[in-house]
């Protein structure tokens, strides 16, 4: 039985390694994870994760190697197939549309999770960005939050952050983004007299 490589293309697919695509994940998450796999995994995934005939996969591989099939189009085809299998075609189409909106057009996703900041964890009307990234789950630890900012992977309201000492105002709602796929809306908890 072949072992399926994870999204990184290096290790076996594993939840503990964080390189997996869960079969119960929402369609958009599943679609965007498939779109992020390395090009060299496209046809391995077609082979192991779809029931497409071997001839059809071989034909796609040939078109790909000859330059007639662009990697992005091959990934879109794979993502549509897998999301349709676990969800349905309309969910796959909606996930593809959302992906195009976010990645091609740079717009925000529709369903951004919301996080309310409790007054007890903030400094009056502000909160330290490192603490906020950890509280929202966008970073597992404060050290990871620092690294993400230093690497330029964190945005607030579309602006790249570079200052690890930044205090974020809680007087209005903000959209935090880490990498290309992780977003959260943050605001002070309603009813808190910050």
N, C-alpha and C. Protein backbone atom coordinates (compact mmCIF):
# COMPACT_ATOMS: atom_id res chain seq x y z
N UNK A 1 0.85 -1.18 0.00
CA UNK A 1 0.00 0.00 0.00
C UNK A 1 0.90 1.24 0.00
N UNK A 2 0.74 2.13 -0.98
CA UNK A 2 1.57 3.33 -1.03
C UNK A 2 1.23 4.32 0.09
N UNK A 3 2.23 5.05 0.52
CA UNK A 3 2.03 6.08 1.55
C UNK A 3 1.84 7.41 0.84
N UNK A 4 0.79 8.12 1.24
CA UNK A 4 0.47 9.41 0.64
C UNK A 4 1.30 10.51 1.29
N UNK A 5 2.00 11.27 0.48
CA UNK A 5 2.77 12.39 1.00
C UNK A 5 1.82 13.51 1.40
N UNK A 6 2.23 14.26 2.42
CA UNK A 6 1.43 15.40 2.88
C UNK A 6 1.60 16.60 1.97
N UNK A 7 0.94 17.69 2.31
CA UNK A 7 0.95 18.90 1.49
C UNK A 7 2.34 19.46 1.29
N UNK A 8 3.27 19.15 2.18
CA UNK A 8 4.64 19.67 2.03
C UNK A 8 5.44 18.87 1.01
N UNK A 9 4.96 17.67 0.67
CA UNK A 9 5.66 16.84 -0.30
C UNK A 9 6.86 16.11 0.26
N UNK A 10 7.09 16.22 1.56
CA UNK A 10 8.28 15.63 2.17
C UNK A 10 7.94 14.45 3.07
N UNK A 11 7.03 14.67 3.99
CA UNK A 11 6.66 13.65 4.97
C UNK A 11 5.34 13.01 4.57
N UNK A 12 5.01 11.88 5.22
CA UNK A 12 3.71 11.27 4.99
C UNK A 12 2.62 12.22 5.50
N UNK A 13 1.45 12.14 4.90
CA UNK A 13 0.35 13.00 5.33
C UNK A 13 -0.02 12.62 6.76
N UNK A 14 -0.05 13.63 7.64
CA UNK A 14 -0.29 13.36 9.05
C UNK A 14 -0.86 14.60 9.74
N UNK A 15 -1.88 14.38 10.53
CA UNK A 15 -2.45 15.49 11.29
C UNK A 15 -1.42 16.06 12.27
N UNK A 16 -0.66 15.18 12.90
CA UNK A 16 0.33 15.64 13.89
C UNK A 16 1.45 16.45 13.25
N UNK A 17 1.73 16.21 11.96
CA UNK A 17 2.76 16.98 11.26
C UNK A 17 2.19 18.26 10.65
N UNK A 18 0.86 18.38 10.68
CA UNK A 18 0.22 19.58 10.16
C UNK A 18 0.26 19.70 8.65
N UNK A 19 0.44 18.59 7.96
CA UNK A 19 0.54 18.62 6.49
C UNK A 19 -0.58 17.80 5.84
N UNK A 20 -1.74 17.79 6.49
CA UNK A 20 -2.83 16.94 6.03
C UNK A 20 -3.99 17.75 5.45
N UNK A 21 -4.82 17.06 4.69
CA UNK A 21 -6.07 17.61 4.19
C UNK A 21 -7.15 16.71 4.77
N UNK A 22 -7.92 17.25 5.71
CA UNK A 22 -8.94 16.45 6.39
C UNK A 22 -10.16 16.23 5.51
N UNK A 23 -10.71 15.02 5.56
CA UNK A 23 -11.87 14.71 4.71
C UNK A 23 -13.15 15.38 5.21
N UNK A 24 -13.14 15.88 6.44
CA UNK A 24 -14.33 16.56 6.96
C UNK A 24 -14.13 18.08 7.03
N UNK A 25 -13.04 18.57 6.47
CA UNK A 25 -12.80 20.01 6.47
C UNK A 25 -13.80 20.70 5.56
N UNK A 26 -14.09 21.96 5.84
CA UNK A 26 -15.00 22.71 4.97
C UNK A 26 -14.45 22.75 3.54
N UNK A 27 -15.33 22.83 2.55
CA UNK A 27 -14.91 22.80 1.14
C UNK A 27 -13.82 23.81 0.79
N UNK A 28 -13.95 25.05 1.26
CA UNK A 28 -12.95 26.07 0.91
C UNK A 28 -11.58 25.70 1.47
N UNK A 29 -11.55 25.23 2.70
CA UNK A 29 -10.28 24.85 3.33
C UNK A 29 -9.64 23.69 2.57
N UNK A 30 -10.46 22.69 2.24
CA UNK A 30 -9.98 21.54 1.49
C UNK A 30 -9.43 21.98 0.12
N UNK A 31 -10.20 22.80 -0.57
CA UNK A 31 -9.81 23.28 -1.90
C UNK A 31 -8.50 24.05 -1.84
N UNK A 32 -8.40 24.99 -0.90
CA UNK A 32 -7.19 25.83 -0.83
C UNK A 32 -5.96 25.02 -0.42
N UNK A 33 -6.14 24.01 0.41
CA UNK A 33 -5.00 23.15 0.78
C UNK A 33 -4.50 22.37 -0.44
N UNK A 34 -5.43 21.86 -1.23
CA UNK A 34 -5.03 21.12 -2.43
C UNK A 34 -4.29 22.05 -3.39
N UNK A 35 -4.74 23.29 -3.51
CA UNK A 35 -4.09 24.24 -4.40
C UNK A 35 -2.67 24.58 -3.94
N UNK A 36 -2.35 24.30 -2.68
CA UNK A 36 -1.02 24.66 -2.16
C UNK A 36 -0.01 23.52 -2.26
N UNK A 37 -0.40 22.36 -2.78
CA UNK A 37 0.55 21.25 -2.85
C UNK A 37 1.62 21.53 -3.90
N UNK A 38 2.82 20.96 -3.72
CA UNK A 38 3.86 21.12 -4.75
C UNK A 38 3.42 20.48 -6.07
N UNK A 39 3.88 21.04 -7.17
CA UNK A 39 3.50 20.53 -8.50
C UNK A 39 3.80 19.05 -8.67
N UNK A 40 4.91 18.59 -8.08
CA UNK A 40 5.29 17.19 -8.27
C UNK A 40 4.32 16.20 -7.61
N UNK A 41 3.42 16.68 -6.75
CA UNK A 41 2.45 15.78 -6.11
C UNK A 41 1.13 15.69 -6.86
N UNK A 42 0.91 16.55 -7.82
CA UNK A 42 -0.40 16.62 -8.49
C UNK A 42 -0.86 15.24 -8.97
N UNK A 43 -0.03 14.57 -9.72
CA UNK A 43 -0.46 13.32 -10.34
C UNK A 43 -0.42 12.14 -9.38
N UNK A 44 0.40 12.24 -8.36
CA UNK A 44 0.37 11.23 -7.28
C UNK A 44 -0.98 11.31 -6.58
N UNK A 45 -1.45 12.54 -6.30
CA UNK A 45 -2.76 12.72 -5.68
C UNK A 45 -3.87 12.25 -6.62
N UNK A 46 -3.78 12.57 -7.91
CA UNK A 46 -4.77 12.08 -8.87
C UNK A 46 -4.83 10.55 -8.82
N UNK A 47 -3.66 9.93 -8.78
CA UNK A 47 -3.57 8.47 -8.80
C UNK A 47 -4.14 7.85 -7.54
N UNK A 48 -3.79 8.41 -6.37
CA UNK A 48 -4.17 7.79 -5.10
C UNK A 48 -5.50 8.28 -4.53
N UNK A 49 -5.95 9.47 -4.91
CA UNK A 49 -7.12 10.05 -4.27
C UNK A 49 -8.36 10.15 -5.16
N UNK A 50 -8.23 9.78 -6.42
CA UNK A 50 -9.40 9.84 -7.30
C UNK A 50 -9.62 8.46 -7.92
N UNK A 51 -10.79 8.29 -8.50
CA UNK A 51 -11.03 7.04 -9.22
C UNK A 51 -11.02 7.26 -10.73
N UNK A 52 -10.28 8.30 -11.15
CA UNK A 52 -10.12 8.54 -12.58
C UNK A 52 -9.38 7.36 -13.20
N UNK A 53 -9.75 6.97 -14.41
CA UNK A 53 -9.04 5.89 -15.08
C UNK A 53 -7.55 6.23 -15.25
N UNK A 54 -6.72 5.22 -15.18
CA UNK A 54 -5.27 5.39 -15.31
C UNK A 54 -4.93 6.12 -16.61
N UNK A 55 -5.66 5.81 -17.68
CA UNK A 55 -5.41 6.44 -18.97
C UNK A 55 -5.64 7.96 -18.90
N UNK A 56 -6.70 8.36 -18.19
CA UNK A 56 -7.00 9.79 -18.08
C UNK A 56 -5.92 10.52 -17.27
N UNK A 57 -5.47 9.90 -16.19
CA UNK A 57 -4.39 10.49 -15.38
C UNK A 57 -3.11 10.57 -16.22
N UNK A 58 -2.82 9.52 -16.98
CA UNK A 58 -1.64 9.52 -17.85
C UNK A 58 -1.73 10.61 -18.91
N UNK A 59 -2.92 10.80 -19.46
CA UNK A 59 -3.13 11.84 -20.46
C UNK A 59 -2.90 13.23 -19.87
N UNK A 60 -3.40 13.44 -18.65
CA UNK A 60 -3.19 14.73 -17.96
C UNK A 60 -1.69 14.94 -17.68
N UNK A 61 -1.03 13.87 -17.23
CA UNK A 61 0.41 13.96 -16.93
C UNK A 61 1.20 14.32 -18.19
N UNK A 62 0.83 13.71 -19.32
CA UNK A 62 1.51 13.99 -20.59
C UNK A 62 1.30 15.44 -21.00
N UNK A 63 0.05 15.91 -20.91
CA UNK A 63 -0.25 17.31 -21.26
C UNK A 63 0.52 18.27 -20.35
N UNK A 64 0.64 17.90 -19.09
CA UNK A 64 1.38 18.71 -18.12
C UNK A 64 2.86 18.78 -18.50
N UNK A 65 3.46 17.62 -18.79
CA UNK A 65 4.90 17.58 -19.11
C UNK A 65 5.21 18.27 -20.43
N UNK A 66 4.24 18.32 -21.34
CA UNK A 66 4.43 19.00 -22.63
C UNK A 66 4.10 20.49 -22.56
N UNK A 67 3.63 20.94 -21.39
CA UNK A 67 3.30 22.36 -21.22
C UNK A 67 1.91 22.74 -21.68
N UNK A 68 1.10 21.76 -22.09
CA UNK A 68 -0.26 22.04 -22.54
C UNK A 68 -1.23 22.19 -21.37
N UNK A 69 -0.86 21.68 -20.20
CA UNK A 69 -1.68 21.79 -18.99
C UNK A 69 -0.86 22.51 -17.93
N UNK A 70 -1.31 23.69 -17.55
CA UNK A 70 -0.61 24.50 -16.54
C UNK A 70 -0.81 23.86 -15.16
N UNK A 71 0.21 23.92 -14.28
CA UNK A 71 0.08 23.34 -12.94
C UNK A 71 -1.14 23.85 -12.18
N UNK A 72 -1.42 25.15 -12.30
CA UNK A 72 -2.57 25.71 -11.58
C UNK A 72 -3.87 25.08 -12.07
N UNK A 73 -4.00 24.87 -13.38
CA UNK A 73 -5.21 24.26 -13.93
C UNK A 73 -5.33 22.80 -13.49
N UNK A 74 -4.20 22.10 -13.44
CA UNK A 74 -4.21 20.70 -12.98
C UNK A 74 -4.63 20.63 -11.51
N UNK A 75 -4.12 21.55 -10.70
CA UNK A 75 -4.50 21.58 -9.28
C UNK A 75 -5.97 21.93 -9.11
N UNK A 76 -6.47 22.87 -9.91
CA UNK A 76 -7.89 23.23 -9.84
C UNK A 76 -8.76 22.03 -10.18
N UNK A 77 -8.37 21.29 -11.19
CA UNK A 77 -9.11 20.09 -11.58
C UNK A 77 -9.10 19.06 -10.44
N UNK A 78 -7.93 18.86 -9.85
CA UNK A 78 -7.80 17.93 -8.72
C UNK A 78 -8.64 18.40 -7.53
N UNK A 79 -8.55 19.67 -7.19
CA UNK A 79 -9.29 20.22 -6.06
C UNK A 79 -10.80 20.10 -6.29
N UNK A 80 -11.26 20.43 -7.50
CA UNK A 80 -12.69 20.29 -7.81
C UNK A 80 -13.13 18.84 -7.64
N UNK A 81 -12.31 17.92 -8.14
CA UNK A 81 -12.67 16.50 -8.07
C UNK A 81 -12.78 16.05 -6.61
N UNK A 82 -11.77 16.37 -5.80
CA UNK A 82 -11.76 15.90 -4.41
C UNK A 82 -12.87 16.55 -3.59
N UNK A 83 -13.05 17.86 -3.72
CA UNK A 83 -14.12 18.53 -2.96
C UNK A 83 -15.49 18.00 -3.39
N UNK A 84 -15.68 17.76 -4.68
CA UNK A 84 -16.95 17.20 -5.17
C UNK A 84 -17.19 15.80 -4.59
N UNK A 85 -16.14 15.03 -4.45
CA UNK A 85 -16.26 13.68 -3.92
C UNK A 85 -16.72 13.70 -2.46
N UNK A 86 -16.11 14.56 -1.63
CA UNK A 86 -16.43 14.59 -0.21
C UNK A 86 -17.61 15.49 0.12
N UNK A 87 -17.93 16.44 -0.74
CA UNK A 87 -19.05 17.35 -0.52
C UNK A 87 -20.03 17.20 -1.69
N UNK A 88 -19.98 18.10 -2.63
CA UNK A 88 -20.78 18.00 -3.86
C UNK A 88 -20.24 19.03 -4.85
N UNK A 89 -20.76 18.98 -6.07
CA UNK A 89 -20.24 19.87 -7.12
C UNK A 89 -20.47 21.34 -6.81
N UNK A 90 -21.63 21.66 -6.25
CA UNK A 90 -21.90 23.08 -5.96
C UNK A 90 -20.96 23.60 -4.87
N UNK A 91 -20.63 22.76 -3.90
CA UNK A 91 -19.67 23.16 -2.86
C UNK A 91 -18.28 23.35 -3.46
N UNK A 92 -17.92 22.48 -4.41
CA UNK A 92 -16.62 22.60 -5.08
C UNK A 92 -16.56 23.89 -5.88
N UNK A 93 -17.65 24.22 -6.57
CA UNK A 93 -17.70 25.45 -7.37
C UNK A 93 -17.61 26.67 -6.46
N UNK A 94 -18.35 26.65 -5.35
CA UNK A 94 -18.31 27.77 -4.40
C UNK A 94 -16.91 27.93 -3.81
N UNK A 95 -16.26 26.81 -3.49
CA UNK A 95 -14.90 26.85 -2.94
C UNK A 95 -13.93 27.42 -3.96
N UNK A 96 -14.08 27.02 -5.22
CA UNK A 96 -13.22 27.53 -6.29
C UNK A 96 -13.42 29.04 -6.48
N UNK A 97 -14.68 29.47 -6.48
CA UNK A 97 -14.98 30.91 -6.63
C UNK A 97 -14.37 31.72 -5.48
N UNK A 98 -14.52 31.19 -4.27
CA UNK A 98 -13.97 31.86 -3.08
C UNK A 98 -12.44 31.92 -3.16
N UNK A 99 -11.83 30.82 -3.59
CA UNK A 99 -10.37 30.76 -3.73
C UNK A 99 -9.90 31.82 -4.73
N UNK A 100 -10.56 31.90 -5.87
CA UNK A 100 -10.20 32.89 -6.90
C UNK A 100 -10.36 34.30 -6.36
N UNK A 101 -11.43 34.52 -5.61
CA UNK A 101 -11.69 35.85 -5.04
C UNK A 101 -10.57 36.26 -4.09
N UNK A 102 -10.15 35.33 -3.24
CA UNK A 102 -9.14 35.63 -2.22
C UNK A 102 -7.74 35.68 -2.81
N UNK A 103 -7.38 34.70 -3.64
CA UNK A 103 -6.00 34.61 -4.10
C UNK A 103 -5.73 35.37 -5.39
N UNK A 104 -6.64 35.35 -6.32
CA UNK A 104 -6.40 36.04 -7.59
C UNK A 104 -6.72 37.53 -7.49
N UNK A 105 -7.79 37.84 -6.75
CA UNK A 105 -8.23 39.23 -6.68
C UNK A 105 -7.82 39.92 -5.38
N UNK A 106 -7.29 39.16 -4.43
CA UNK A 106 -6.82 39.74 -3.18
C UNK A 106 -7.93 40.20 -2.25
N UNK A 107 -9.14 39.70 -2.44
CA UNK A 107 -10.27 40.08 -1.59
C UNK A 107 -10.28 39.21 -0.33
N UNK A 108 -11.09 39.61 0.64
CA UNK A 108 -11.21 38.83 1.87
C UNK A 108 -12.19 37.68 1.69
N UNK A 109 -11.94 36.55 2.37
CA UNK A 109 -12.92 35.46 2.32
C UNK A 109 -14.23 35.88 2.97
N UNK A 110 -15.31 35.17 2.64
CA UNK A 110 -16.62 35.51 3.20
C UNK A 110 -16.75 35.14 4.67
N UNK A 111 -16.32 33.96 5.02
CA UNK A 111 -16.56 33.44 6.37
C UNK A 111 -15.31 33.54 7.24
N UNK A 112 -14.96 34.75 7.64
CA UNK A 112 -13.80 34.94 8.51
C UNK A 112 -14.26 34.75 9.95
N UNK A 113 -13.58 33.87 10.70
CA UNK A 113 -13.96 33.69 12.11
C UNK A 113 -13.81 35.00 12.89
N UNK A 114 -14.62 35.13 13.93
CA UNK A 114 -14.63 36.34 14.75
C UNK A 114 -14.07 36.02 16.13
N UNK A 115 -13.23 36.92 16.65
CA UNK A 115 -12.65 36.75 17.98
C UNK A 115 -12.90 38.01 18.79
N UNK A 116 -13.52 37.85 19.96
CA UNK A 116 -13.78 38.97 20.86
C UNK A 116 -12.68 39.04 21.91
N UNK A 117 -12.06 40.20 22.03
CA UNK A 117 -10.98 40.39 23.00
C UNK A 117 -11.60 40.86 24.32
N UNK A 118 -11.37 40.10 25.36
CA UNK A 118 -11.87 40.42 26.70
C UNK A 118 -11.02 41.53 27.30
N UNK A 119 -11.65 42.46 28.00
CA UNK A 119 -10.94 43.59 28.62
C UNK A 119 -9.86 43.13 29.58
N UNK A 120 -10.02 41.95 30.16
CA UNK A 120 -9.05 41.47 31.15
C UNK A 120 -7.71 41.09 30.53
N UNK A 121 -7.66 40.90 29.21
CA UNK A 121 -6.40 40.50 28.58
C UNK A 121 -5.77 41.64 27.78
N UNK A 122 -6.42 42.78 27.75
CA UNK A 122 -5.87 43.91 26.99
C UNK A 122 -5.33 44.97 27.93
N UNK A 123 -4.62 45.96 27.33
CA UNK A 123 -4.10 47.09 28.10
C UNK A 123 -4.98 48.30 27.78
N UNK A 124 -6.08 48.40 28.47
CA UNK A 124 -6.99 49.51 28.19
C UNK A 124 -7.63 49.36 26.83
N UNK A 125 -7.30 50.28 25.91
CA UNK A 125 -7.90 50.28 24.58
C UNK A 125 -7.03 49.59 23.54
N UNK A 126 -5.92 48.96 23.97
CA UNK A 126 -5.01 48.31 23.02
C UNK A 126 -4.62 46.92 23.51
N UNK A 127 -4.06 46.15 22.59
CA UNK A 127 -3.53 44.83 22.94
C UNK A 127 -2.26 44.61 22.11
N UNK A 128 -1.28 43.99 22.73
CA UNK A 128 0.00 43.68 22.08
C UNK A 128 -0.24 42.67 20.96
N UNK A 129 0.28 42.93 19.79
CA UNK A 129 0.06 42.08 18.61
C UNK A 129 0.48 40.64 18.85
N UNK A 130 1.58 40.43 19.56
CA UNK A 130 2.07 39.08 19.84
C UNK A 130 1.03 38.31 20.65
N UNK A 131 0.51 38.96 21.69
CA UNK A 131 -0.50 38.35 22.54
C UNK A 131 -1.78 38.06 21.74
N UNK A 132 -2.15 38.99 20.88
CA UNK A 132 -3.36 38.84 20.08
C UNK A 132 -3.24 37.66 19.11
N UNK A 133 -2.09 37.51 18.48
CA UNK A 133 -1.89 36.38 17.57
C UNK A 133 -2.01 35.05 18.31
N UNK A 134 -1.47 35.01 19.52
CA UNK A 134 -1.56 33.79 20.31
C UNK A 134 -3.00 33.53 20.77
N UNK A 135 -3.68 34.56 21.26
CA UNK A 135 -5.06 34.41 21.73
C UNK A 135 -6.01 33.95 20.63
N UNK A 136 -5.82 34.46 19.43
CA UNK A 136 -6.71 34.11 18.32
C UNK A 136 -6.40 32.75 17.73
N UNK A 137 -5.26 32.17 18.09
CA UNK A 137 -4.87 30.89 17.54
C UNK A 137 -4.14 31.00 16.21
N UNK A 138 -3.86 32.22 15.77
CA UNK A 138 -3.10 32.40 14.53
C UNK A 138 -1.63 32.02 14.74
N UNK A 139 -1.20 32.01 15.99
CA UNK A 139 0.14 31.53 16.36
C UNK A 139 -0.03 30.64 17.59
N UNK A 140 0.71 29.55 17.64
CA UNK A 140 0.59 28.63 18.77
C UNK A 140 1.28 29.16 20.02
N UNK A 141 2.36 29.91 19.81
CA UNK A 141 3.12 30.45 20.94
C UNK A 141 3.51 31.89 20.63
N UNK A 142 3.96 32.59 21.63
CA UNK A 142 4.43 33.96 21.41
C UNK A 142 5.71 33.97 20.57
N UNK A 143 6.53 32.95 20.75
CA UNK A 143 7.75 32.85 19.93
C UNK A 143 7.38 32.69 18.46
N UNK A 144 6.40 31.86 18.19
CA UNK A 144 5.96 31.68 16.80
C UNK A 144 5.38 32.99 16.27
N UNK A 145 4.62 33.70 17.09
CA UNK A 145 4.04 34.99 16.67
C UNK A 145 5.15 35.97 16.28
N UNK A 146 6.20 36.03 17.09
CA UNK A 146 7.34 36.91 16.77
C UNK A 146 7.96 36.54 15.42
N UNK A 147 8.19 35.24 15.25
CA UNK A 147 8.79 34.77 13.98
C UNK A 147 7.91 35.12 12.78
N UNK A 148 6.62 34.92 12.92
CA UNK A 148 5.70 35.22 11.82
C UNK A 148 5.77 36.69 11.43
N UNK A 149 5.82 37.57 12.43
CA UNK A 149 5.91 39.01 12.15
C UNK A 149 7.26 39.33 11.51
N UNK A 150 8.33 38.78 12.07
CA UNK A 150 9.67 39.04 11.52
C UNK A 150 9.81 38.53 10.09
N UNK A 151 9.08 37.48 9.74
CA UNK A 151 9.12 36.92 8.39
C UNK A 151 8.19 37.65 7.43
N UNK A 152 7.42 38.61 7.95
CA UNK A 152 6.50 39.36 7.10
C UNK A 152 5.23 38.61 6.75
N UNK A 153 4.86 37.63 7.57
CA UNK A 153 3.69 36.80 7.27
C UNK A 153 2.40 37.31 7.89
N UNK A 154 2.46 38.42 8.64
CA UNK A 154 1.28 38.91 9.36
C UNK A 154 0.82 40.24 8.77
N UNK A 155 -0.49 40.32 8.54
CA UNK A 155 -1.10 41.57 8.08
C UNK A 155 -2.24 41.94 9.00
N UNK A 156 -2.45 43.24 9.15
CA UNK A 156 -3.60 43.76 9.88
C UNK A 156 -4.30 44.73 8.93
N UNK A 157 -5.55 44.44 8.62
CA UNK A 157 -6.32 45.26 7.68
C UNK A 157 -5.59 45.43 6.35
N UNK A 158 -4.92 44.38 5.90
CA UNK A 158 -4.24 44.39 4.61
C UNK A 158 -2.84 44.96 4.62
N UNK A 159 -2.40 45.52 5.74
CA UNK A 159 -1.05 46.11 5.84
C UNK A 159 -0.11 45.14 6.53
N UNK A 160 1.04 44.89 5.91
CA UNK A 160 2.04 43.99 6.49
C UNK A 160 2.60 44.60 7.77
N UNK A 161 2.70 43.78 8.81
CA UNK A 161 3.24 44.24 10.09
C UNK A 161 4.70 43.83 10.22
N UNK A 162 5.51 44.71 10.79
CA UNK A 162 6.92 44.41 10.98
C UNK A 162 7.41 44.68 12.39
N UNK A 163 6.57 45.30 13.21
CA UNK A 163 6.96 45.69 14.56
C UNK A 163 6.39 44.71 15.58
N UNK A 164 7.26 43.95 16.24
CA UNK A 164 6.79 42.97 17.22
C UNK A 164 6.28 43.63 18.51
N UNK A 165 6.51 44.92 18.66
CA UNK A 165 6.04 45.64 19.85
C UNK A 165 4.75 46.42 19.59
N UNK A 166 4.17 46.25 18.43
CA UNK A 166 2.98 46.99 18.04
C UNK A 166 1.80 46.72 18.98
N UNK A 167 1.11 47.78 19.33
CA UNK A 167 -0.13 47.69 20.10
C UNK A 167 -1.28 47.94 19.13
N UNK A 168 -2.22 47.03 19.08
CA UNK A 168 -3.38 47.14 18.19
C UNK A 168 -4.52 47.81 18.95
N UNK A 169 -5.09 48.84 18.36
CA UNK A 169 -6.23 49.54 18.95
C UNK A 169 -7.47 48.65 18.89
N UNK A 170 -8.21 48.63 19.97
CA UNK A 170 -9.45 47.86 20.00
C UNK A 170 -10.67 48.76 19.86
N UNK A 171 -10.45 49.99 19.43
CA UNK A 171 -11.57 50.92 19.28
C UNK A 171 -12.42 50.59 18.06
N UNK A 172 -11.90 49.72 17.17
CA UNK A 172 -12.68 49.29 16.00
C UNK A 172 -12.27 47.86 15.64
N UNK A 173 -13.03 47.26 14.76
CA UNK A 173 -12.75 45.89 14.32
C UNK A 173 -11.57 45.87 13.35
N UNK A 174 -10.76 44.81 13.43
CA UNK A 174 -9.62 44.62 12.53
C UNK A 174 -9.70 43.21 11.93
N UNK A 175 -9.07 43.04 10.78
CA UNK A 175 -8.91 41.72 10.18
C UNK A 175 -7.43 41.38 10.21
N UNK A 176 -7.09 40.33 10.96
CA UNK A 176 -5.72 39.84 11.01
C UNK A 176 -5.57 38.70 10.01
N UNK A 177 -4.41 38.64 9.37
CA UNK A 177 -4.13 37.59 8.40
C UNK A 177 -2.73 37.05 8.64
N UNK A 178 -2.61 35.74 8.63
CA UNK A 178 -1.31 35.08 8.70
C UNK A 178 -1.18 34.20 7.47
N UNK A 179 -0.14 34.47 6.69
CA UNK A 179 0.03 33.74 5.44
C UNK A 179 -1.07 34.11 4.46
N UNK A 180 -1.38 33.18 3.59
CA UNK A 180 -2.38 33.46 2.56
C UNK A 180 -3.77 32.98 2.92
N UNK A 181 -3.86 32.02 3.86
CA UNK A 181 -5.15 31.37 4.07
C UNK A 181 -5.78 31.57 5.44
N UNK A 182 -5.07 32.15 6.39
CA UNK A 182 -5.60 32.21 7.75
C UNK A 182 -5.99 33.63 8.12
N UNK A 183 -7.28 33.82 8.43
CA UNK A 183 -7.83 35.13 8.75
C UNK A 183 -8.63 35.05 10.04
N UNK A 184 -8.72 36.17 10.74
CA UNK A 184 -9.63 36.28 11.89
C UNK A 184 -10.00 37.76 12.06
N UNK A 185 -11.28 38.00 12.37
CA UNK A 185 -11.74 39.36 12.70
C UNK A 185 -11.61 39.52 14.21
N UNK A 186 -11.09 40.65 14.65
CA UNK A 186 -10.95 40.88 16.08
C UNK A 186 -11.54 42.23 16.46
N UNK A 187 -12.12 42.26 17.64
CA UNK A 187 -12.67 43.50 18.21
C UNK A 187 -12.82 43.28 19.70
N UNK A 188 -12.99 44.38 20.43
CA UNK A 188 -13.19 44.22 21.87
C UNK A 188 -14.53 43.56 22.13
N UNK A 189 -14.60 42.84 23.21
CA UNK A 189 -15.81 42.14 23.58
C UNK A 189 -16.91 43.15 23.86
N UNK A 190 -18.08 42.94 23.27
CA UNK A 190 -19.21 43.85 23.47
C UNK A 190 -19.58 43.86 24.94
N UNK A 191 -19.76 45.06 25.47
CA UNK A 191 -20.11 45.20 26.87
C UNK A 191 -18.92 45.47 27.76
N UNK A 192 -17.69 45.29 27.23
CA UNK A 192 -16.49 45.59 28.00
C UNK A 192 -16.26 47.09 27.97
N UNK A 193 -16.03 47.66 29.08
CA UNK A 193 -15.75 49.09 29.16
C UNK A 193 -14.28 49.37 29.02
N UNK A 194 -13.73 49.04 27.89
CA UNK A 194 -12.29 49.23 27.66
C UNK A 194 -12.00 50.70 27.48
